[in-house]
C-alpha atoms as a PDB file:
ATOM      1  CA  MET A   1     154.378 118.201 168.524  1.00  0.00           C
ATOM      2  CA  ILE A   2     152.706 121.273 167.039  1.00  0.00           C
ATOM      3  CA  LYS A   3     155.007 121.130 164.050  1.00  0.00           C
ATOM      4  CA  LYS A   4     154.249 117.440 163.490  1.00  0.00           C
ATOM      5  CA  THR A   5     150.464 118.028 163.644  1.00  0.00           C
ATOM      6  CA  SER A   6     150.770 120.943 161.229  1.00  0.00           C
ATOM      7  CA  VAL A   7     152.727 118.862 158.738  1.00  0.00           C
ATOM      8  CA  THR A   8     150.234 116.009 159.063  1.00  0.00           C
ATOM      9  CA  PHE A   9     147.339 118.380 158.449  1.00  0.00           C
ATOM     10  CA  GLN A  10     149.066 119.886 155.437  1.00  0.00           C
ATOM     11  CA  LEU A  11     149.717 116.435 153.974  1.00  0.00           C
ATOM     12  CA  PHE A  12     146.083 115.459 154.575  1.00  0.00           C
ATOM     13  CA  TYR A  13     144.864 118.693 152.960  1.00  0.00           C
ATOM     14  CA  MET A  14     147.123 118.125 149.942  1.00  0.00           C
ATOM     15  CA  PHE A  15     145.820 114.558 149.615  1.00  0.00           C
ATOM     16  CA  VAL A  16     142.176 115.697 149.684  1.00  0.00           C
ATOM     17  CA  LEU A  17     142.905 118.464 147.179  1.00  0.00           C
ATOM     18  CA  PHE A  18     144.769 116.065 144.899  1.00  0.00           C
ATOM     19  CA  SER A  19     141.905 113.548 145.060  1.00  0.00           C
ATOM     20  CA  PHE A  20     139.367 116.265 144.235  1.00  0.00           C
ATOM     21  CA  LEU A  21     141.427 117.490 141.308  1.00  0.00           C
ATOM     22  CA  MET A  22     141.866 113.953 140.005  1.00  0.00           C
ATOM     23  CA  GLN A  23     138.117 113.311 140.215  1.00  0.00           C
ATOM     24  CA  SER A  24     137.477 116.611 138.432  1.00  0.00           C
ATOM     25  CA  CYS A  25     139.923 115.652 135.705  1.00  0.00           C
ATOM     26  CA  VAL A  26     138.188 112.289 135.264  1.00  0.00           C
ATOM     27  CA  ARG A  27     134.853 114.049 134.928  1.00  0.00           C
ATOM     28  CA  GLU A  28     136.328 116.551 132.490  1.00  0.00           C
ATOM     29  CA  ARG A  29     137.735 113.726 130.396  1.00  0.00           C
ATOM     30  CA  ASP A  30     134.354 111.983 130.100  1.00  0.00           C
ATOM     31  CA  THR A  31     133.717 112.752 126.452  1.00  0.00           C
ATOM     32  CA  ASP A  32     132.784 109.236 125.392  1.00  0.00           C
ATOM     33  CA  THR A  33     129.850 109.359 122.957  1.00  0.00           C
ATOM     34  CA  ASN A  34     130.294 105.787 121.670  1.00  0.00           C
ATOM     35  CA  ALA A  35     127.329 104.343 123.552  1.00  0.00           C
ATOM     36  CA  ALA A  36     125.102 107.125 122.215  1.00  0.00           C
ATOM     37  CA  SER A  37     126.293 106.623 118.635  1.00  0.00           C
ATOM     38  CA  ASP A  38     125.822 102.858 118.865  1.00  0.00           C
ATOM     39  CA  LEU A  39     122.379 103.259 120.385  1.00  0.00           C
ATOM     40  CA  ALA A  40     121.287 105.629 117.612  1.00  0.00           C
ATOM     41  CA  MET A  41     122.467 103.036 115.086  1.00  0.00           C
ATOM     42  CA  HIS A  42     120.620 100.154 116.797  1.00  0.00           C
ATOM     43  CA  ALA A  43     117.415 102.182 117.112  1.00  0.00           C
ATOM     44  CA  PHE A  44     117.454 103.102 113.441  1.00  0.00           C
ATOM     45  CA  ILE A  45     118.487  99.818 111.816  1.00  0.00           C
ATOM     46  CA  TYR A  46     116.032  97.491 113.527  1.00  0.00           C
ATOM     47  CA  GLN A  47     113.152  99.933 113.020  1.00  0.00           C
ATOM     48  CA  ASP A  48     114.263 100.381 109.403  1.00  0.00           C
ATOM     49  CA  ALA A  49     114.188  96.613 108.808  1.00  0.00           C
ATOM     50  CA  ALA A  50     110.643  96.557 110.230  1.00  0.00           C
ATOM     51  CA  ASN A  51     109.646  99.369 107.849  1.00  0.00           C
ATOM     52  CA  ILE A  52     111.104  97.419 104.899  1.00  0.00           C
ATOM     53  CA  ALA A  53     109.119  94.359 106.022  1.00  0.00           C
ATOM     54  CA  ASP A  54     105.941  96.451 106.260  1.00  0.00           C
ATOM     55  CA  ASP A  55     106.507  97.653 102.689  1.00  0.00           C
ATOM     56  CA  ALA A  56     107.123  94.093 101.457  1.00  0.00           C
ATOM     57  CA  ALA A  57     104.010  92.780 103.217  1.00  0.00           C
ATOM     58  CA  THR A  58     101.822  94.711 100.774  1.00  0.00           C
ATOM     59  CA  LYS A  59     103.544  93.070  97.765  1.00  0.00           C
ATOM     60  CA  ASN A  60     103.584  89.680  96.091  1.00  0.00           C
ATOM     61  CA  THR A  61     106.593  87.609  95.025  1.00  0.00           C
ATOM     62  CA  GLY A  62     108.521  89.381  92.266  1.00  0.00           C
ATOM     63  CA  GLU A  63     106.994  92.814  92.885  1.00  0.00           C
ATOM     64  CA  ASN A  64     109.200  95.782  93.705  1.00  0.00           C
ATOM     65  CA  LEU A  65     109.317  97.576  97.017  1.00  0.00           C
ATOM     66  CA  SER A  66     107.953 101.095  97.090  1.00  0.00           C
ATOM     67  CA  ASN A  67     111.199 102.414  98.549  1.00  0.00           C
ATOM     68  CA  TYR A  68     114.918 101.467  98.706  1.00  0.00           C
ATOM     69  CA  LYS A  69     115.731 101.975  95.034  1.00  0.00           C
ATOM     70  CA  THR A  70     117.875 104.255  92.870  1.00  0.00           C
ATOM     71  CA  ARG A  71     118.265 103.717  89.126  1.00  0.00           C
ATOM     72  CA  GLY A  72     116.898 100.220  89.527  1.00  0.00           C
ATOM     73  CA  TYR A  73     115.336  98.213  92.345  1.00  0.00           C
ATOM     74  CA  CYS A  74     117.708  96.895  94.995  1.00  0.00           C
ATOM     75  CA  ALA A  75     115.608  94.126  96.483  1.00  0.00           C
ATOM     76  CA  THR A  76     114.100  90.901  95.149  1.00  0.00           C
ATOM     77  CA  LEU A  77     111.020  89.834  97.106  1.00  0.00           C
ATOM     78  CA  THR A  78     109.848  86.260  97.731  1.00  0.00           C
ATOM     79  CA  HIS A  79     106.545  86.279  99.624  1.00  0.00           C
ATOM     80  CA  ASP A  80     104.990  82.938 100.627  1.00  0.00           C
ATOM     81  CA  LYS A  81     101.407  83.627 101.753  1.00  0.00           C
ATOM     82  CA  LEU A  82     100.382  79.962 101.919  1.00  0.00           C
ATOM     83  CA  SER A  83     102.797  78.496 104.453  1.00  0.00           C
ATOM     84  CA  ASN A  84     102.194  78.564 108.194  1.00  0.00           C
ATOM     85  CA  PRO A  85     103.823  80.696 109.408  1.00  0.00           C
ATOM     86  CA  ARG A  86     104.000  82.844 106.284  1.00  0.00           C
ATOM     87  CA  THR A  87     107.391  84.063 105.146  1.00  0.00           C
ATOM     88  CA  MET A  88     109.099  86.838 103.234  1.00  0.00           C
ATOM     89  CA  ILE A  89     112.662  87.010 101.936  1.00  0.00           C
ATOM     90  CA  ILE A  90     113.811  90.504 100.986  1.00  0.00           C
ATOM     91  CA  ASP A  91     117.098  89.963  99.162  1.00  0.00           C
ATOM     92  CA  PHE A  92     119.284  92.972  98.358  1.00  0.00           C
ATOM     93  CA  GLY A  93     121.867  90.783  96.620  1.00  0.00           C
ATOM     94  CA  SER A  94     125.503  90.028  97.402  1.00  0.00           C
ATOM     95  CA  VAL A  95     126.883  93.406  96.236  1.00  0.00           C
ATOM     96  CA  ASN A  96     126.111  96.744  97.861  1.00  0.00           C
ATOM     97  CA  CYS A  97     123.107  98.501  96.338  1.00  0.00           C
ATOM     98  CA  MET A  98     122.422 102.136  97.250  1.00  0.00           C
ATOM     99  CA  GLY A  99     118.817 102.834  98.158  1.00  0.00           C
ATOM    100  CA  ASN A 100     117.110 106.154  97.609  1.00  0.00           C
ATOM    101  CA  ASP A 101     117.781 106.932 101.261  1.00  0.00           C
ATOM    102  CA  GLY A 102     121.525 107.067 100.496  1.00  0.00           C
ATOM    103  CA  ARG A 103     122.394 103.868 102.373  1.00  0.00           C
ATOM    104  CA  GLU A 104     124.203 100.855 100.918  1.00  0.00           C
ATOM    105  CA  ARG A 105     122.564  97.464 101.558  1.00  0.00           C
ATOM    106  CA  ARG A 106     123.356  93.845 100.734  1.00  0.00           C
ATOM    107  CA  GLY A 107     122.180  90.488 102.025  1.00  0.00           C
ATOM    108  CA  SER A 108     118.686  89.493 103.106  1.00  0.00           C
ATOM    109  CA  ILE A 109     115.996  90.387 105.622  1.00  0.00           C
ATOM    110  CA  LEU A 110     113.942  87.315 106.590  1.00  0.00           C
ATOM    111  CA  VAL A 111     110.419  87.679 107.967  1.00  0.00           C
ATOM    112  CA  SER A 112     108.170  85.019 109.471  1.00  0.00           C
ATOM    113  CA  TYR A 113     104.657  86.039 110.499  1.00  0.00           C
ATOM    114  CA  THR A 114     101.430  84.511 111.798  1.00  0.00           C
ATOM    115  CA  GLY A 115      97.948  85.269 110.523  1.00  0.00           C
ATOM    116  CA  ASN A 116      97.358  88.256 108.285  1.00  0.00           C
ATOM    117  CA  TYR A 117     100.284  90.647 108.534  1.00  0.00           C
ATOM    118  CA  ASN A 118      98.359  93.665 109.861  1.00  0.00           C
ATOM    119  CA  ASP A 119      95.853  91.817 112.055  1.00  0.00           C
ATOM    120  CA  SER A 120      95.749  92.312 115.809  1.00  0.00           C
ATOM    121  CA  GLY A 121      97.678  89.481 117.452  1.00  0.00           C
ATOM    122  CA  SER A 122      99.907  88.847 114.440  1.00  0.00           C
ATOM    123  CA  VAL A 123     103.539  88.206 115.399  1.00  0.00           C
ATOM    124  CA  HIS A 124     106.363  89.130 113.014  1.00  0.00           C
ATOM    125  CA  THR A 125     109.842  87.703 113.572  1.00  0.00           C
ATOM    126  CA  ILE A 126     112.559  89.523 111.635  1.00  0.00           C
ATOM    127  CA  THR A 127     116.008  87.947 111.243  1.00  0.00           C
ATOM    128  CA  PHE A 128     118.940  88.481 108.874  1.00  0.00           C
ATOM    129  CA  ASP A 129     121.123  86.537 106.463  1.00  0.00           C
ATOM    130  CA  GLU A 130     124.477  88.191 105.734  1.00  0.00           C
ATOM    131  CA  TYR A 131     122.682  91.550 105.960  1.00  0.00           C
ATOM    132  CA  PHE A 132     124.826  94.686 105.769  1.00  0.00           C
ATOM    133  CA  VAL A 133     123.971  98.385 105.833  1.00  0.00           C
ATOM    134  CA  ASN A 134     126.870 100.747 105.064  1.00  0.00           C
ATOM    135  CA  ASP A 135     129.170  97.710 105.511  1.00  0.00           C
ATOM    136  CA  HIS A 136     127.949  97.132 109.086  1.00  0.00           C
ATOM    137  CA  GLN A 137     126.693  93.573 109.535  1.00  0.00           C
ATOM    138  CA  PHE A 138     123.428  93.250 111.430  1.00  0.00           C
ATOM    139  CA  MET A 139     122.399  90.010 113.120  1.00  0.00           C
ATOM    140  CA  GLY A 140     119.984  88.933 115.818  1.00  0.00           C
ATOM    141  CA  GLN A 141     116.239  89.351 115.638  1.00  0.00           C
ATOM    142  CA  ASN A 142     113.284  91.658 116.226  1.00  0.00           C
ATOM    143  CA  ILE A 143     109.985  90.113 117.374  1.00  0.00           C
ATOM    144  CA  ILE A 144     107.065  92.459 116.743  1.00  0.00           C
ATOM    145  CA  GLU A 145     103.511  91.809 117.922  1.00  0.00           C
ATOM    146  CA  ASN A 146     100.478  93.760 116.728  1.00  0.00           C
ATOM    147  CA  LYS A 147      98.591  94.651 119.921  1.00  0.00           C
ATOM    148  CA  GLY A 148      95.536  96.173 118.267  1.00  0.00           C
ATOM    149  CA  LYS A 149      94.259  99.669 119.051  1.00  0.00           C
ATOM    150  CA  ASN A 150      95.218 101.899 121.972  1.00  0.00           C
ATOM    151  CA  GLY A 151      92.939 104.389 123.717  1.00  0.00           C
ATOM    152  CA  ALA A 152      93.499 106.918 120.937  1.00  0.00           C
ATOM    153  CA  SER A 153      92.462 104.354 118.278  1.00  0.00           C
ATOM    154  CA  ASN A 154      96.029 104.061 116.964  1.00  0.00           C
ATOM    155  CA  THR A 155      97.434 100.633 116.152  1.00  0.00           C
ATOM    156  CA  PHE A 156     100.400  99.848 118.381  1.00  0.00           C
ATOM    157  CA  TYR A 157     103.027  97.142 118.587  1.00  0.00           C
ATOM    158  CA  THR A 158     105.506  95.684 121.018  1.00  0.00           C
ATOM    159  CA  SER A 159     109.031  95.095 119.747  1.00  0.00           C
ATOM    160  CA  LYS A 160     111.697  92.930 121.370  1.00  0.00           C
ATOM    161  CA  VAL A 161     115.118  93.465 119.826  1.00  0.00           C
ATOM    162  CA  ASP A 162     118.076  91.141 120.379  1.00  0.00           C
ATOM    163  CA  ALA A 163     120.763  92.828 118.301  1.00  0.00           C
ATOM    164  CA  LYS A 164     124.288  91.885 117.304  1.00  0.00           C
ATOM    165  CA  VAL A 165     126.400  94.147 115.105  1.00  0.00           C
ATOM    166  CA  LEU A 166     129.836  93.906 113.529  1.00  0.00           C
ATOM    167  CA  LYS A 167     131.342  97.216 112.439  1.00  0.00           C
ATOM    168  CA  PRO A 168     133.825  97.319 109.532  1.00  0.00           C
ATOM    169  CA  LEU A 169     137.373  96.445 110.638  1.00  0.00           C
ATOM    170  CA  LEU A 170     136.182  95.682 114.181  1.00  0.00           C
ATOM    171  CA  ALA A 171     136.546  92.176 115.605  1.00  0.00           C
ATOM    172  CA  ASP A 172     134.348  92.590 118.687  1.00  0.00           C
ATOM    173  CA  THR A 173     130.578  92.227 118.379  1.00  0.00           C
ATOM    174  CA  LEU A 174     128.307  95.001 119.657  1.00  0.00           C
ATOM    175  CA  TYR A 175     125.306  93.774 121.627  1.00  0.00           C
ATOM    176  CA  PHE A 176     121.967  95.367 122.379  1.00  0.00           C
ATOM    177  CA  GLN A 177     118.661  94.201 123.820  1.00  0.00           C
ATOM    178  CA  GLY A 178     115.622  96.443 123.919  1.00  0.00           C
ATOM    179  CA  GLU A 179     111.882  96.352 124.499  1.00  0.00           C
ATOM    180  CA  TYR A 180     109.795  98.999 122.756  1.00  0.00           C
ATOM    181  CA  THR A 181     106.238 100.109 122.246  1.00  0.00           C
ATOM    182  CA  ILE A 182     105.632 101.471 118.739  1.00  0.00           C
ATOM    183  CA  VAL A 183     102.530 103.568 118.013  1.00  0.00           C
ATOM    184  CA  TRP A 184     101.354 104.154 114.436  1.00  0.00           C
ATOM    185  CA  LYS A 185     100.624 107.867 114.772  1.00  0.00           C
ATOM    186  CA  GLN A 186      99.886 108.909 111.179  1.00  0.00           C
ATOM    187  CA  GLY A 187      99.134 107.327 107.813  1.00  0.00           C
ATOM    188  CA  GLU A 188      97.195 104.285 108.994  1.00  0.00           C
ATOM    189  CA  SER A 189      93.983 105.394 107.249  1.00  0.00           C
ATOM    190  CA  THR A 190      95.623 105.793 103.833  1.00  0.00           C
ATOM    191  CA  PRO A 191      96.926 103.172 101.381  1.00  0.00           C
ATOM    192  CA  ILE A 192     100.128 105.186 100.901  1.00  0.00           C
ATOM    193  CA  TRP A 193     102.994 103.467 102.708  1.00  0.00           C
ATOM    194  CA  GLY A 194     105.253 106.529 102.647  1.00  0.00           C
ATOM    195  CA  ASP A 195     103.055 108.822 104.768  1.00  0.00           C
ATOM    196  CA  ASP A 196     103.424 106.658 107.889  1.00  0.00           C
ATOM    197  CA  VAL A 197     104.743 108.197 111.109  1.00  0.00           C
ATOM    198  CA  TYR A 198     105.671 106.130 114.174  1.00  0.00           C
ATOM    199  CA  GLU A 199     106.276 107.042 117.824  1.00  0.00           C
ATOM    200  CA  ILE A 200     108.616 104.812 119.831  1.00  0.00           C
ATOM    201  CA  ILE A 201     109.221 104.474 123.571  1.00  0.00           C
ATOM    202  CA  GLY A 202     111.126 101.811 125.491  1.00  0.00           C
ATOM    203  CA  LYS A 203     114.255 100.774 127.335  1.00  0.00           C
ATOM    204  CA  GLY A 204     117.190  98.433 126.940  1.00  0.00           C
ATOM    205  CA  SER A 205     120.853  97.683 127.540  1.00  0.00           C
ATOM    206  CA  GLY A 206     123.942  96.995 125.497  1.00  0.00           C
ATOM    207  CA  ARG A 207     127.716  96.684 125.215  1.00  0.00           C
ATOM    208  CA  ASN A 208     129.780  98.947 122.950  1.00  0.00           C
ATOM    209  CA  GLU A 209     133.080  98.374 121.167  1.00  0.00           C
ATOM    210  CA  GLN A 210     135.044  99.399 124.267  1.00  0.00           C
ATOM    211  CA  LYS A 211     133.239  96.519 126.053  1.00  0.00           C
ATOM    212  CA  THR A 212     131.464  99.060 128.247  1.00  0.00           C
ATOM    213  CA  PHE A 213     127.967  98.065 129.333  1.00  0.00           C
ATOM    214  CA  TYR A 214     125.203 100.662 129.343  1.00  0.00           C
ATOM    215  CA  ALA A 215     121.503 100.983 130.074  1.00  0.00           C
ATOM    216  CA  MET A 216     119.090 103.224 128.176  1.00  0.00           C
ATOM    217  CA  ASN A 217     115.601 104.623 128.612  1.00  0.00           C
ATOM    218  CA  ILE A 218     113.658 106.711 126.088  1.00  0.00           C
ATOM    219  CA  THR A 219     112.531 109.762 128.067  1.00  0.00           C
ATOM    220  CA  GLU A 220     110.843 111.574 125.174  1.00  0.00           C
ATOM    221  CA  PRO A 221     109.337 109.474 122.328  1.00  0.00           C
ATOM    222  CA  LEU A 222     111.410 108.919 119.198  1.00  0.00           C
ATOM    223  CA  ILE A 223     109.583 109.986 116.035  1.00  0.00           C
ATOM    224  CA  LYS A 224     110.183 108.302 112.678  1.00  0.00           C
ATOM    225  CA  ASP A 225     108.644 109.739 109.535  1.00  0.00           C
ATOM    226  CA  VAL A 226     109.060 106.842 107.112  1.00  0.00           C
ATOM    227  CA  LEU A 227     109.409 108.713 103.825  1.00  0.00           C
ATOM    228  CA  ASN A 228     110.004 112.376 104.603  1.00  0.00           C
ATOM    229  CA  CYS A 229     113.070 111.965 106.831  1.00  0.00           C
ATOM    230  CA  ARG A 230     115.763 109.287 106.768  1.00  0.00           C
ATOM    231  CA  TYR A 231     116.614 109.931 110.446  1.00  0.00           C
ATOM    232  CA  PHE A 232     114.871 110.015 113.778  1.00  0.00           C
ATOM    233  CA  HIS A 233     114.252 113.751 114.083  1.00  0.00           C
ATOM    234  CA  THR A 234     112.669 114.030 117.548  1.00  0.00           C
ATOM    235  CA  GLY A 235     113.145 112.341 120.904  1.00  0.00           C
ATOM    236  CA  LYS A 236     115.505 111.971 123.860  1.00  0.00           C
ATOM    237  CA  VAL A 237     117.231 108.962 125.420  1.00  0.00           C
ATOM    238  CA  ALA A 238     118.910 108.725 128.839  1.00  0.00           C
ATOM    239  CA  ILE A 239     122.033 106.546 128.686  1.00  0.00           C
ATOM    240  CA  GLN A 240     123.923 105.228 131.720  1.00  0.00           C
ATOM    241  CA  PRO A 241     127.296 103.667 130.833  1.00  0.00           C
ATOM    242  CA  GLN A 242     128.882 101.537 133.522  1.00  0.00           C
ATOM    243  CA  GLY A 243     131.135 103.660 135.743  1.00  0.00           C
ATOM    244  CA  LYS A 244     130.425 106.912 133.881  1.00  0.00           C
ATOM    245  CA  ALA A 245     128.106 109.870 134.135  1.00  0.00           C
ATOM    246  CA  LEU A 246     124.513 109.762 132.946  1.00  0.00           C
ATOM    247  CA  ARG A 247     124.194 111.262 129.483  1.00  0.00           C
ATOM    248  CA  THR A 248     121.329 112.374 127.242  1.00  0.00           C
ATOM    249  CA  LEU A 249     121.034 111.658 123.532  1.00  0.00           C
ATOM    250  CA  ASP A 250     118.820 114.274 121.838  1.00  0.00           C
ATOM    251  CA  PHE A 251     117.641 113.639 118.267  1.00  0.00           C
ATOM    252  CA  GLY A 252     116.411 117.207 117.814  1.00  0.00           C
ATOM    253  CA  ASP A 253     113.297 119.335 117.653  1.00  0.00           C
ATOM    254  CA  GLY A 254     111.784 118.076 114.407  1.00  0.00           C
ATOM    255  CA  ASP A 255     114.247 119.287 111.771  1.00  0.00           C
ATOM    256  CA  CYS A 256     115.303 116.510 109.416  1.00  0.00           C
ATOM    257  CA  ASP A 257     119.097 116.372 109.639  1.00  0.00           C
ATOM    258  CA  ASN A 258     121.820 113.928 110.596  1.00  0.00           C
ATOM    259  CA  ASP A 259     122.905 115.883 113.676  1.00  0.00           C
ATOM    260  CA  ALA A 260     122.153 114.686 117.209  1.00  0.00           C
ATOM    261  CA  THR A 261     123.604 115.920 120.491  1.00  0.00           C
ATOM    262  CA  VAL A 262     124.932 114.106 123.540  1.00  0.00           C
ATOM    263  CA  THR A 263     125.029 115.987 126.851  1.00  0.00           C
ATOM    264  CA  ILE A 264     127.602 114.761 129.406  1.00  0.00           C
ATOM    265  CA  ASN A 265     128.197 116.668 132.660  1.00  0.00           C
ATOM    266  CA  ASN A 266     126.450 119.727 131.160  1.00  0.00           C
ATOM    267  CA  LYS A 267     128.718 119.675 128.115  1.00  0.00           C
ATOM    268  CA  VAL A 268     127.198 119.181 124.675  1.00  0.00           C
ATOM    269  CA  PHE A 269     128.790 117.028 121.961  1.00  0.00           C
ATOM    270  CA  HIS A 270     127.541 116.493 118.434  1.00  0.00           C
ATOM    271  CA  ILE A 271     127.305 113.096 116.762  1.00  0.00           C
ATOM    272  CA  GLU A 272     126.460 112.293 113.165  1.00  0.00           C
ATOM    273  CA  LEU A 273     123.582 109.971 112.378  1.00  0.00           C
ATOM    274  CA  TRP A 274     123.915 107.710 109.353  1.00  0.00           C
END
């Protein structure tokens, strides 16, 4: 009887130890940064399209954008200021054109807006027509509403993103939905488009190419300097993939570079922004 109890206890102890080791191995193997990389891409592209629309809003049909050019000008602008709602078509053409931010674009950004573009209450709906950046196809829409001034006298906006993305050589669509508040922190008082700086907070959810669902919440505001840095260079995002550990995406401390970090179970991984 004693021998049987001892064997049973040993088997139980081995089972508990094995389970603990297996759980530890699973945690050790959690090195998946895909959700963080996809989220960084979504955050950039849909804000970038809004910045392009803001640039185009100051121009008339046939005029060139201030940015997104190299030897020549990539985009052809059609701006209808008489229709209701008013519309803009920003057409980068059917062949990739490299902008001065080093990114290849083709296809069109379509903008429909009410009232005067920068007036409080104006609503801007941004959609896409065969629009590619670095051969990634971006679909869906971004609805941006000018909410007027906040307590600090900065213009701020709400942004509702319903994103769909096809990566090169990938059949499955990436999905993302997010709701943001965007504060115009610097540059509003000048006529120079390129000195604008925006602060972004918000939350959302998505599905990556592994068909893993995740939720996200911006815990420290993302900062986008329109002209002086092609990347988000400040801010942190908490990301919770389904069935995996909480992870933190950190865009950095203000240095303009394409390096961001993802912390998973106290281990730090680097991802490249594009």
